C-alpha atoms as a PDB file:
ATOM      1  CA  UNK A   1       7.092   6.268  -1.842  1.00  0.00           C
ATOM      2  CA  UNK A   2       7.432   3.619  -4.510  1.00  0.00           C
ATOM      3  CA  UNK A   3       9.978   3.241  -7.273  1.00  0.00           C
ATOM      4  CA  UNK A   4      10.044   6.031  -9.842  1.00  0.00           C
ATOM      5  CA  UNK A   5       8.760   8.431  -7.129  1.00  0.00           C
ATOM      6  CA  UNK A   6       5.327   8.301  -8.718  1.00  0.00           C
ATOM      7  CA  UNK A   7       3.320   6.099  -6.353  1.00  0.00           C
ATOM      8  CA  UNK A   8       2.672   6.720  -2.666  1.00  0.00           C
ATOM      9  CA  UNK A   9       1.175   4.103  -0.353  1.00  0.00           C
ATOM     10  CA  UNK A  10      -0.652   5.124   2.803  1.00  0.00           C
ATOM     11  CA  UNK A  11      -1.977   3.015   5.668  1.00  0.00           C
ATOM     12  CA  UNK A  12      -4.803   4.181   7.890  1.00  0.00           C
ATOM     13  CA  UNK A  13      -6.361   3.548  11.287  1.00  0.00           C
ATOM     14  CA  UNK A  14      -9.623   2.503   9.575  1.00  0.00           C
ATOM     15  CA  UNK A  15      -7.809  -0.632   8.241  1.00  0.00           C
ATOM     16  CA  UNK A  16      -7.424   0.894   4.766  1.00  0.00           C
ATOM     17  CA  UNK A  17      -4.445   0.867   2.408  1.00  0.00           C
ATOM     18  CA  UNK A  18      -4.449   3.342  -0.477  1.00  0.00           C
ATOM     19  CA  UNK A  19      -2.083   3.608  -3.446  1.00  0.00           C
ATOM     20  CA  UNK A  20      -1.961   7.077  -4.960  1.00  0.00           C
ATOM     21  CA  UNK A  21      -0.580   8.091  -8.353  1.00  0.00           C
ATOM     22  CA  UNK A  22       0.818  11.524  -7.552  1.00  0.00           C
ATOM     23  CA  UNK A  23       1.393  12.433 -11.211  1.00  0.00           C
ATOM     24  CA  UNK A  24      -2.148  11.693 -12.393  1.00  0.00           C
ATOM     25  CA  UNK A  25      -3.619  12.616  -8.993  1.00  0.00           C
ATOM     26  CA  UNK A  26      -5.814   9.543  -8.657  1.00  0.00           C
ATOM     27  CA  UNK A  27      -6.221   6.428  -6.522  1.00  0.00           C
ATOM     28  CA  UNK A  28      -4.837   3.251  -8.095  1.00  0.00           C
ATOM     29  CA  UNK A  29      -5.919   0.801  -5.401  1.00  0.00           C
ATOM     30  CA  UNK A  30      -7.553   0.680  -1.998  1.00  0.00           C
ATOM     31  CA  UNK A  31      -8.315  -2.180   0.355  1.00  0.00           C
ATOM     32  CA  UNK A  32      -9.651  -2.746   3.842  1.00  0.00           C
ATOM     33  CA  UNK A  33      -8.481  -6.377   4.106  1.00  0.00           C
ATOM     34  CA  UNK A  34      -6.679  -5.812   7.410  1.00  0.00           C
ATOM     35  CA  UNK A  35      -8.782  -6.077  10.547  1.00  0.00           C
ATOM     36  CA  UNK A  36      -6.724  -3.587  12.511  1.00  0.00           C
ATOM     37  CA  UNK A  37      -4.879  -0.316  12.020  1.00  0.00           C
ATOM     38  CA  UNK A  38      -2.300  -0.467   9.220  1.00  0.00           C
ATOM     39  CA  UNK A  39       1.007   0.264  10.933  1.00  0.00           C
ATOM     40  CA  UNK A  40       3.625  -0.565   8.274  1.00  0.00           C
ATOM     41  CA  UNK A  41       3.916  -0.334   4.496  1.00  0.00           C
ATOM     42  CA  UNK A  42       6.894  -1.142   2.252  1.00  0.00           C
ATOM     43  CA  UNK A  43       7.384  -1.464  -1.501  1.00  0.00           C
ATOM     44  CA  UNK A  44       9.624  -4.240  -2.822  1.00  0.00           C
ATOM     45  CA  UNK A  45      12.815  -2.882  -4.428  1.00  0.00           C
ATOM     46  CA  UNK A  46      11.484  -3.614  -7.934  1.00  0.00           C
ATOM     47  CA  UNK A  47       8.109  -2.002  -7.168  1.00  0.00           C
ATOM     48  CA  UNK A  48       6.120  -5.121  -8.084  1.00  0.00           C
ATOM     49  CA  UNK A  49       4.912  -5.876  -4.558  1.00  0.00           C
ATOM     50  CA  UNK A  50       3.649  -3.974  -1.538  1.00  0.00           C
ATOM     51  CA  UNK A  51       3.875  -5.404   1.968  1.00  0.00           C
ATOM     52  CA  UNK A  52       1.585  -4.164   4.714  1.00  0.00           C
ATOM     53  CA  UNK A  53       1.453  -4.880   8.417  1.00  0.00           C
ATOM     54  CA  UNK A  54      -1.331  -4.291  10.889  1.00  0.00           C
ATOM     55  CA  UNK A  55      -1.814  -4.249  14.634  1.00  0.00           C
ATOM     56  CA  UNK A  56      -4.140  -7.219  14.095  1.00  0.00           C
ATOM     57  CA  UNK A  57      -0.913  -9.263  13.835  1.00  0.00           C
ATOM     58  CA  UNK A  58      -1.070  -9.907  10.091  1.00  0.00           C
ATOM     59  CA  UNK A  59       1.252  -9.128   7.203  1.00  0.00           C
ATOM     60  CA  UNK A  60      -0.100  -9.025   3.663  1.00  0.00           C
ATOM     61  CA  UNK A  61       1.766  -9.057   0.370  1.00  0.00           C
ATOM     62  CA  UNK A  62       0.077  -7.378  -2.571  1.00  0.00           C
ATOM     63  CA  UNK A  63       1.108  -7.964  -6.196  1.00  0.00           C
ATOM     64  CA  UNK A  64       0.893  -4.613  -7.946  1.00  0.00           C
ATOM     65  CA  UNK A  65      -0.494  -4.902 -11.462  1.00  0.00           C
ATOM     66  CA  UNK A  66       0.321  -1.371 -12.619  1.00  0.00           C
ATOM     67  CA  UNK A  67       4.074  -2.070 -12.908  1.00  0.00           C
END
């Protein structure tokens, strides 16, 4: 759950990351840039970045434009 308790990030076995706005009930962002299952997700303390890790051995840092 991101800052302000409004955004939830989920990682999936199909390599997908999804950012959900739980107030507006819509998807803000999705990506399948990882080549393996997404196993870790973390928002930066200020909510401007999302870090994701995958069992493909990669870590990605996403700049979030909605903040």
